[in-house]
PDB file of N, CA and C in Angstrom:
ATOM      1  N   MET A   1       0.861  -1.176   0.000  1.00  0.00           N
ATOM      2  CA  MET A   1       0.000   0.000   0.000  1.00  0.00           C
ATOM      3  C   MET A   1       0.902   1.233   0.000  1.00  0.00           C
ATOM      4  N   THR A   2       0.606   2.174  -0.858  1.00  0.00           N
ATOM      5  CA  THR A   2       1.403   3.392  -0.871  1.00  0.00           C
ATOM      6  C   THR A   2       0.839   4.376   0.143  1.00  0.00           C
ATOM      7  N   ARG A   3       1.627   5.375   0.461  1.00  0.00           N
ATOM      8  CA  ARG A   3       1.215   6.325   1.491  1.00  0.00           C
ATOM      9  C   ARG A   3      -0.125   7.004   1.211  1.00  0.00           C
ATOM     10  N   PRO A   4      -0.382   7.518   0.009  1.00  0.00           N
ATOM     11  CA  PRO A   4      -1.689   8.157  -0.203  1.00  0.00           C
ATOM     12  C   PRO A   4      -2.859   7.186  -0.063  1.00  0.00           C
ATOM     13  N   GLU A   5      -2.610   5.916  -0.344  1.00  0.00           N
ATOM     14  CA  GLU A   5      -3.680   4.943  -0.267  1.00  0.00           C
ATOM     15  C   GLU A   5      -4.125   4.646   1.159  1.00  0.00           C
ATOM     16  N   ILE A   6      -3.287   4.861   2.148  1.00  0.00           N
ATOM     17  CA  ILE A   6      -3.649   4.506   3.519  1.00  0.00           C
ATOM     18  C   ILE A   6      -4.848   5.322   3.992  1.00  0.00           C
ATOM     19  N   VAL A   7      -4.887   6.590   3.692  1.00  0.00           N
ATOM     20  CA  VAL A   7      -6.008   7.435   4.114  1.00  0.00           C
ATOM     21  C   VAL A   7      -7.292   6.966   3.434  1.00  0.00           C
ATOM     22  N   THR A   8      -7.214   6.708   2.146  1.00  0.00           N
ATOM     23  CA  THR A   8      -8.368   6.206   1.406  1.00  0.00           C
ATOM     24  C   THR A   8      -8.813   4.855   1.944  1.00  0.00           C
ATOM     25  N   SER A   9      -7.860   4.002   2.269  1.00  0.00           N
ATOM     26  CA  SER A   9      -8.193   2.671   2.784  1.00  0.00           C
ATOM     27  C   SER A   9      -8.910   2.747   4.124  1.00  0.00           C
ATOM     28  N   VAL A  10      -8.510   3.667   4.981  1.00  0.00           N
ATOM     29  CA  VAL A  10      -9.182   3.839   6.273  1.00  0.00           C
ATOM     30  C   VAL A  10     -10.631   4.264   6.049  1.00  0.00           C
ATOM     31  N   VAL A  11     -10.835   5.241   5.197  1.00  0.00           N
ATOM     32  CA  VAL A  11     -12.195   5.730   4.916  1.00  0.00           C
ATOM     33  C   VAL A  11     -13.039   4.607   4.314  1.00  0.00           C
ATOM     34  N   LYS A  12     -12.479   3.847   3.380  1.00  0.00           N
ATOM     35  CA  LYS A  12     -13.231   2.746   2.765  1.00  0.00           C
ATOM     36  C   LYS A  12     -13.563   1.653   3.782  1.00  0.00           C
ATOM     37  N   ALA A  13     -12.646   1.395   4.714  1.00  0.00           N
ATOM     38  CA  ALA A  13     -12.904   0.374   5.737  1.00  0.00           C
ATOM     39  C   ALA A  13     -14.073   0.784   6.630  1.00  0.00           C
ATOM     40  N   VAL A  14     -14.103   2.041   7.045  1.00  0.00           N
ATOM     41  CA  VAL A  14     -15.200   2.527   7.881  1.00  0.00           C
ATOM     42  C   VAL A  14     -16.506   2.532   7.084  1.00  0.00           C
ATOM     43  N   ALA A  15     -16.447   2.937   5.829  1.00  0.00           N
ATOM     44  CA  ALA A  15     -17.645   2.940   4.991  1.00  0.00           C
ATOM     45  C   ALA A  15     -18.198   1.518   4.831  1.00  0.00           C
ATOM     46  N   ALA A  16     -17.311   0.549   4.696  1.00  0.00           N
ATOM     47  CA  ALA A  16     -17.758  -0.841   4.567  1.00  0.00           C
ATOM     48  C   ALA A  16     -18.449  -1.316   5.838  1.00  0.00           C
ATOM     49  N   VAL A  17     -17.893  -0.958   6.990  1.00  0.00           N
ATOM     50  CA  VAL A  17     -18.510  -1.344   8.266  1.00  0.00           C
ATOM     51  C   VAL A  17     -19.879  -0.682   8.416  1.00  0.00           C
ATOM     52  N   ASP A  18     -19.953   0.592   8.055  1.00  0.00           N
ATOM     53  CA  ASP A  18     -21.219   1.329   8.172  1.00  0.00           C
ATOM     54  C   ASP A  18     -22.173   1.065   7.007  1.00  0.00           C
ATOM     55  N   ARG A  19     -21.693   0.386   5.991  1.00  0.00           N
ATOM     56  CA  ARG A  19     -22.475   0.084   4.792  1.00  0.00           C
ATOM     57  C   ARG A  19     -23.010   1.347   4.127  1.00  0.00           C
ATOM     58  N   VAL A  20     -22.098   2.299   3.943  1.00  0.00           N
ATOM     59  CA  VAL A  20     -22.431   3.549   3.256  1.00  0.00           C
ATOM     60  C   VAL A  20     -21.358   3.844   2.219  1.00  0.00           C
ATOM     61  N   ASP A  21     -21.663   4.746   1.332  1.00  0.00           N
ATOM     62  CA  ASP A  21     -20.686   5.218   0.361  1.00  0.00           C
ATOM     63  C   ASP A  21     -19.634   6.029   1.117  1.00  0.00           C
ATOM     64  N   PRO A  22     -18.341   5.857   0.798  1.00  0.00           N
ATOM     65  CA  PRO A  22     -17.301   6.629   1.501  1.00  0.00           C
ATOM     66  C   PRO A  22     -17.536   8.136   1.462  1.00  0.00           C
ATOM     67  N   ALA A  23     -18.143   8.638   0.412  1.00  0.00           N
ATOM     68  CA  ALA A  23     -18.410  10.079   0.294  1.00  0.00           C
ATOM     69  C   ALA A  23     -19.415  10.559   1.334  1.00  0.00           C
ATOM     70  N   LYS A  24     -20.179   9.653   1.911  1.00  0.00           N
ATOM     71  CA  LYS A  24     -21.186  10.017   2.913  1.00  0.00           C
ATOM     72  C   LYS A  24     -20.592  10.193   4.314  1.00  0.00           C
ATOM     73  N   LEU A  25     -19.343   9.771   4.515  1.00  0.00           N
ATOM     74  CA  LEU A  25     -18.707   9.873   5.832  1.00  0.00           C
ATOM     75  C   LEU A  25     -18.165  11.269   6.074  1.00  0.00           C
ATOM     76  N   ASP A  26     -18.012  11.611   7.340  1.00  0.00           N
ATOM     77  CA  ASP A  26     -17.325  12.852   7.699  1.00  0.00           C
ATOM     78  C   ASP A  26     -15.905  12.790   7.164  1.00  0.00           C
ATOM     79  N   SER A  27     -15.340  13.934   6.893  1.00  0.00           N
ATOM     80  CA  SER A  27     -13.949  13.990   6.457  1.00  0.00           C
ATOM     81  C   SER A  27     -13.039  13.503   7.580  1.00  0.00           C
ATOM     82  N   LEU A  28     -12.048  12.717   7.218  1.00  0.00           N
ATOM     83  CA  LEU A  28     -11.080  12.242   8.209  1.00  0.00           C
ATOM     84  C   LEU A  28     -10.380  13.423   8.887  1.00  0.00           C
ATOM     85  N   TYR A  29     -10.242  14.539   8.168  1.00  0.00           N
ATOM     86  CA  TYR A  29      -9.620  15.747   8.709  1.00  0.00           C
ATOM     87  C   TYR A  29     -10.342  16.284   9.940  1.00  0.00           C
ATOM     88  N   GLU A  30     -11.611  15.940  10.097  1.00  0.00           N
ATOM     89  CA  GLU A  30     -12.359  16.400  11.272  1.00  0.00           C
ATOM     90  C   GLU A  30     -11.931  15.668  12.544  1.00  0.00           C
ATOM     91  N   TYR A  31     -11.195  14.572  12.389  1.00  0.00           N
ATOM     92  CA  TYR A  31     -10.809  13.747  13.539  1.00  0.00           C
ATOM     93  C   TYR A  31      -9.302  13.716  13.769  1.00  0.00           C
ATOM     94  N   ILE A  32      -8.537  13.619  12.698  1.00  0.00           N
ATOM     95  CA  ILE A  32      -7.068  13.636  12.806  1.00  0.00           C
ATOM     96  C   ILE A  32      -6.498  14.342  11.579  1.00  0.00           C
ATOM     97  N   ASP A  33      -5.234  14.670  11.663  1.00  0.00           N
ATOM     98  CA  ASP A  33      -4.521  15.159  10.490  1.00  0.00           C
ATOM     99  C   ASP A  33      -4.041  13.926   9.726  1.00  0.00           C
ATOM    100  N   PRO A  34      -4.607  13.628   8.563  1.00  0.00           N
ATOM    101  CA  PRO A  34      -4.227  12.420   7.834  1.00  0.00           C
ATOM    102  C   PRO A  34      -2.737  12.340   7.501  1.00  0.00           C
ATOM    103  N   GLU A  35      -2.057  13.462   7.548  1.00  0.00           N
ATOM    104  CA  GLU A  35      -0.618  13.452   7.281  1.00  0.00           C
ATOM    105  C   GLU A  35       0.124  12.572   8.297  1.00  0.00           C
ATOM    106  N   ILE A  36      -0.456  12.398   9.475  1.00  0.00           N
ATOM    107  CA  ILE A  36       0.133  11.505  10.475  1.00  0.00           C
ATOM    108  C   ILE A  36       0.269  10.097   9.897  1.00  0.00           C
ATOM    109  N   LEU A  37      -0.781   9.616   9.265  1.00  0.00           N
ATOM    110  CA  LEU A  37      -0.737   8.283   8.668  1.00  0.00           C
ATOM    111  C   LEU A  37       0.312   8.216   7.567  1.00  0.00           C
ATOM    112  N   ASN A  38       0.372   9.243   6.741  1.00  0.00           N
ATOM    113  CA  ASN A  38       1.370   9.273   5.673  1.00  0.00           C
ATOM    114  C   ASN A  38       2.785   9.249   6.228  1.00  0.00           C
ATOM    115  N   LYS A  39       3.033   9.985   7.290  1.00  0.00           N
ATOM    116  CA  LYS A  39       4.369  10.011   7.893  1.00  0.00           C
ATOM    117  C   LYS A  39       4.726   8.670   8.519  1.00  0.00           C
ATOM    118  N   LEU A  40       3.765   8.041   9.151  1.00  0.00           N
ATOM    119  CA  LEU A  40       4.031   6.720   9.721  1.00  0.00           C
ATOM    120  C   LEU A  40       4.391   5.721   8.624  1.00  0.00           C
ATOM    121  N   TYR A  41       3.644   5.725   7.543  1.00  0.00           N
ATOM    122  CA  TYR A  41       3.916   4.796   6.449  1.00  0.00           C
ATOM    123  C   TYR A  41       5.221   5.104   5.732  1.00  0.00           C
ATOM    124  N   ALA A  42       5.712   6.328   5.858  1.00  0.00           N
ATOM    125  CA  ALA A  42       6.985   6.689   5.228  1.00  0.00           C
ATOM    126  C   ALA A  42       8.179   6.055   5.945  1.00  0.00           C
ATOM    127  N   GLN A  43       7.977   5.624   7.175  1.00  0.00           N
ATOM    128  CA  GLN A  43       9.062   4.989   7.914  1.00  0.00           C
ATOM    129  C   GLN A  43       9.433   3.676   7.238  1.00  0.00           C
ATOM    130  N   GLU A  44      10.714   3.445   7.092  1.00  0.00           N
ATOM    131  CA  GLU A  44      11.159   2.246   6.400  1.00  0.00           C
ATOM    132  C   GLU A  44      11.357   1.059   7.321  1.00  0.00           C
ATOM    133  N   ARG A  45      11.362   1.303   8.606  1.00  0.00           N
ATOM    134  CA  ARG A  45      11.544   0.172   9.527  1.00  0.00           C
ATOM    135  C   ARG A  45      10.887   0.477  10.852  1.00  0.00           C
ATOM    136  N   GLY A  46      10.823  -0.546  11.657  1.00  0.00           N
ATOM    137  CA  GLY A  46      10.221  -0.396  12.975  1.00  0.00           C
ATOM    138  C   GLY A  46       8.761  -0.774  12.967  1.00  0.00           C
ATOM    139  N   GLU A  47       8.333  -1.215  14.113  1.00  0.00           N
ATOM    140  CA  GLU A  47       6.929  -1.566  14.272  1.00  0.00           C
ATOM    141  C   GLU A  47       6.208  -0.421  14.957  1.00  0.00           C
ATOM    142  N   TRP A  48       4.983  -0.172  14.531  1.00  0.00           N
ATOM    143  CA  TRP A  48       4.168   0.864  15.158  1.00  0.00           C
ATOM    144  C   TRP A  48       2.705   0.499  15.012  1.00  0.00           C
ATOM    145  N   ARG A  49       1.921   1.149  15.848  1.00  0.00           N
ATOM    146  CA  ARG A  49       0.467   0.973  15.861  1.00  0.00           C
ATOM    147  C   ARG A  49      -0.102   2.351  16.217  1.00  0.00           C
ATOM    148  N   PHE A  50      -1.070   2.811  15.431  1.00  0.00           N
ATOM    149  CA  PHE A  50      -1.670   4.111  15.665  1.00  0.00           C
ATOM    150  C   PHE A  50      -3.180   3.922  15.795  1.00  0.00           C
ATOM    151  N   THR A  51      -3.732   4.361  16.930  1.00  0.00           N
ATOM    152  CA  THR A  51      -5.160   4.214  17.197  1.00  0.00           C
ATOM    153  C   THR A  51      -5.785   5.592  17.368  1.00  0.00           C
ATOM    154  N   PHE A  52      -6.944   5.771  16.758  1.00  0.00           N
ATOM    155  CA  PHE A  52      -7.648   7.046  16.849  1.00  0.00           C
ATOM    156  C   PHE A  52      -9.142   6.822  16.698  1.00  0.00           C
ATOM    157  N   GLN A  53      -9.904   7.827  17.047  1.00  0.00           N
ATOM    158  CA  GLN A  53     -11.361   7.806  16.923  1.00  0.00           C
ATOM    159  C   GLN A  53     -11.739   8.431  15.589  1.00  0.00           C
ATOM    160  N   TYR A  54     -12.602   7.772  14.832  1.00  0.00           N
ATOM    161  CA  TYR A  54     -13.119   8.316  13.576  1.00  0.00           C
ATOM    162  C   TYR A  54     -14.611   8.022  13.550  1.00  0.00           C
ATOM    163  N   SER A  55     -15.394   9.070  13.566  1.00  0.00           N
ATOM    164  CA  SER A  55     -16.843   8.945  13.654  1.00  0.00           C
ATOM    165  C   SER A  55     -17.168   8.186  14.937  1.00  0.00           C
ATOM    166  N   ASP A  56     -17.947   7.124  14.841  1.00  0.00           N
ATOM    167  CA  ASP A  56     -18.298   6.340  16.030  1.00  0.00           C
ATOM    168  C   ASP A  56     -17.407   5.119  16.183  1.00  0.00           C
ATOM    169  N   HIS A  57     -16.250   5.112  15.544  1.00  0.00           N
ATOM    170  CA  HIS A  57     -15.402   3.932  15.511  1.00  0.00           C
ATOM    171  C   HIS A  57     -13.999   4.202  16.065  1.00  0.00           C
ATOM    172  N   GLN A  58     -13.424   3.152  16.621  1.00  0.00           N
ATOM    173  CA  GLN A  58     -12.020   3.187  17.011  1.00  0.00           C
ATOM    174  C   GLN A  58     -11.238   2.523  15.877  1.00  0.00           C
ATOM    175  N   ILE A  59     -10.287   3.249  15.324  1.00  0.00           N
ATOM    176  CA  ILE A  59      -9.496   2.770  14.202  1.00  0.00           C
ATOM    177  C   ILE A  59      -8.073   2.515  14.683  1.00  0.00           C
ATOM    178  N   THR A  60      -7.515   1.389  14.285  1.00  0.00           N
ATOM    179  CA  THR A  60      -6.109   1.098  14.546  1.00  0.00           C
ATOM    180  C   THR A  60      -5.465   0.745  13.217  1.00  0.00           C
ATOM    181  N   VAL A  61      -4.355   1.415  12.925  1.00  0.00           N
ATOM    182  CA  VAL A  61      -3.573   1.159  11.719  1.00  0.00           C
ATOM    183  C   VAL A  61      -2.202   0.696  12.184  1.00  0.00           C
ATOM    184  N   THR A  62      -1.656  -0.336  11.536  1.00  0.00           N
ATOM    185  CA  THR A  62      -0.375  -0.895  11.966  1.00  0.00           C
ATOM    186  C   THR A  62       0.679  -0.794  10.860  1.00  0.00           C
ATOM    187  N   HIS A  63       1.922  -0.983  11.280  1.00  0.00           N
ATOM    188  CA  HIS A  63       3.063  -0.906  10.366  1.00  0.00           C
ATOM    189  C   HIS A  63       2.968  -1.907   9.213  1.00  0.00           C
ATOM    190  N   ASP A  64       2.268  -2.994   9.419  1.00  0.00           N
ATOM    191  CA  ASP A  64       2.177  -4.031   8.389  1.00  0.00           C
ATOM    192  C   ASP A  64       0.879  -3.926   7.570  1.00  0.00           C
ATOM    193  N   GLU A  65       0.381  -2.700   7.457  1.00  0.00           N
ATOM    194  CA  GLU A  65      -0.734  -2.350   6.578  1.00  0.00           C
ATOM    195  C   GLU A  65      -2.070  -2.960   6.985  1.00  0.00           C
ATOM    196  N   ARG A  66      -2.234  -3.200   8.268  1.00  0.00           N
ATOM    197  CA  ARG A  66      -3.523  -3.707   8.745  1.00  0.00           C
ATOM    198  C   ARG A  66      -4.353  -2.548   9.271  1.00  0.00           C
ATOM    199  N   ILE A  67      -5.648  -2.588   8.963  1.00  0.00           N
ATOM    200  CA  ILE A  67      -6.584  -1.566   9.433  1.00  0.00           C
ATOM    201  C   ILE A  67      -7.668  -2.290  10.216  1.00  0.00           C
ATOM    202  N   PHE A  68      -7.798  -1.910  11.493  1.00  0.00           N
ATOM    203  CA  PHE A  68      -8.831  -2.473  12.355  1.00  0.00           C
ATOM    204  C   PHE A  68      -9.890  -1.413  12.604  1.00  0.00           C
ATOM    205  N   VAL A  69     -11.145  -1.791  12.486  1.00  0.00           N
ATOM    206  CA  VAL A  69     -12.263  -0.918  12.835  1.00  0.00           C
ATOM    207  C   VAL A  69     -12.972  -1.586  13.998  1.00  0.00           C
ATOM    208  N   ASP A  70     -12.968  -0.918  15.141  1.00  0.00           N
ATOM    209  CA  ASP A  70     -13.563  -1.456  16.364  1.00  0.00           C
ATOM    210  C   ASP A  70     -13.002  -2.842  16.701  1.00  0.00           C
ATOM    211  N   GLY A  71     -11.695  -2.994  16.479  1.00  0.00           N
ATOM    212  CA  GLY A  71     -11.015  -4.236  16.849  1.00  0.00           C
ATOM    213  C   GLY A  71     -11.133  -5.359  15.849  1.00  0.00           C
ATOM    214  N   ILE A  72     -11.781  -5.117  14.702  1.00  0.00           N
ATOM    215  CA  ILE A  72     -11.934  -6.152  13.678  1.00  0.00           C
ATOM    216  C   ILE A  72     -11.132  -5.754  12.451  1.00  0.00           C
ATOM    217  N   LEU A  73     -10.249  -6.661  12.037  1.00  0.00           N
ATOM    218  CA  LEU A  73      -9.423  -6.418  10.866  1.00  0.00           C
ATOM    219  C   LEU A  73     -10.306  -6.335   9.635  1.00  0.00           C
ATOM    220  N   GLN A  74     -10.110  -5.279   8.867  1.00  0.00           N
ATOM    221  CA  GLN A  74     -10.890  -5.087   7.651  1.00  0.00           C
ATOM    222  C   GLN A  74     -10.010  -5.379   6.445  1.00  0.00           C
ATOM    223  N   SER A  75     -10.462  -6.257   5.580  1.00  0.00           N
ATOM    224  CA  SER A  75      -9.791  -6.523   4.314  1.00  0.00           C
ATOM    225  C   SER A  75     -10.824  -7.068   3.357  1.00  0.00           C
ATOM    226  N   SER A  76     -10.439  -7.208   2.103  1.00  0.00           N
ATOM    227  CA  SER A  76     -11.386  -7.691   1.111  1.00  0.00           C
ATOM    228  C   SER A  76     -11.675  -9.171   1.271  1.00  0.00           C
ATOM    229  N   GLU A  77     -10.829  -9.873   2.012  1.00  0.00           N
ATOM    230  CA  GLU A  77     -10.989 -11.313   2.112  1.00  0.00           C
ATOM    231  C   GLU A  77     -11.519 -11.787   3.458  1.00  0.00           C
ATOM    232  N   VAL A  78     -11.080 -11.188   4.562  1.00  0.00           N
ATOM    233  CA  VAL A  78     -11.482 -11.699   5.857  1.00  0.00           C
ATOM    234  C   VAL A  78     -11.594 -10.573   6.865  1.00  0.00           C
ATOM    235  N   ALA A  79     -12.350 -10.841   7.904  1.00  0.00           N
ATOM    236  CA  ALA A  79     -12.410  -9.932   9.050  1.00  0.00           C
ATOM    237  C   ALA A  79     -12.107 -10.779  10.279  1.00  0.00           C
ATOM    238  N   VAL A  80     -11.077 -10.410  11.018  1.00  0.00           N
ATOM    239  CA  VAL A  80     -10.706 -11.137  12.227  1.00  0.00           C
ATOM    240  C   VAL A  80     -10.555 -10.164  13.364  1.00  0.00           C
ATOM    241  N   ARG A  81     -10.775 -10.647  14.566  1.00  0.00           N
ATOM    242  CA  ARG A  81     -10.664  -9.807  15.738  1.00  0.00           C
ATOM    243  C   ARG A  81      -9.213  -9.575  16.116  1.00  0.00           C
ATOM    244  N   GLU A  82      -8.919  -8.336  16.530  1.00  0.00           N
ATOM    245  CA  GLU A  82      -7.582  -7.942  16.971  1.00  0.00           C
ATOM    246  C   GLU A  82      -7.258  -8.624  18.265  1.00  0.00           C
TER     247      GLU A  82
END
C-alpha cells in the first residue's frame, strides 16, 4: 500500500462497516490530520500501531498495513478480531 492509499483505505474500511458510500462519511480531517498516517507509512523500519477515533469507531492502523475498525481487521478477504 502506498502512502496516499492509507487514508483512502481507512475511509473505505469505515464505509464498509457502516455500509455507506465513503463520500457520505465525515472527512477524516475532522478527527485527525491524515498526514500523520502518511508520515508513519513513510518509515522504512520499525513496528508501530496508531489508534484514533473516527466517527463512532475506534481505528487502529499498523506498520504491516492492517486496518482495524472497532477491533476487527478489515480486508477484502477476511475480518478477524484484533
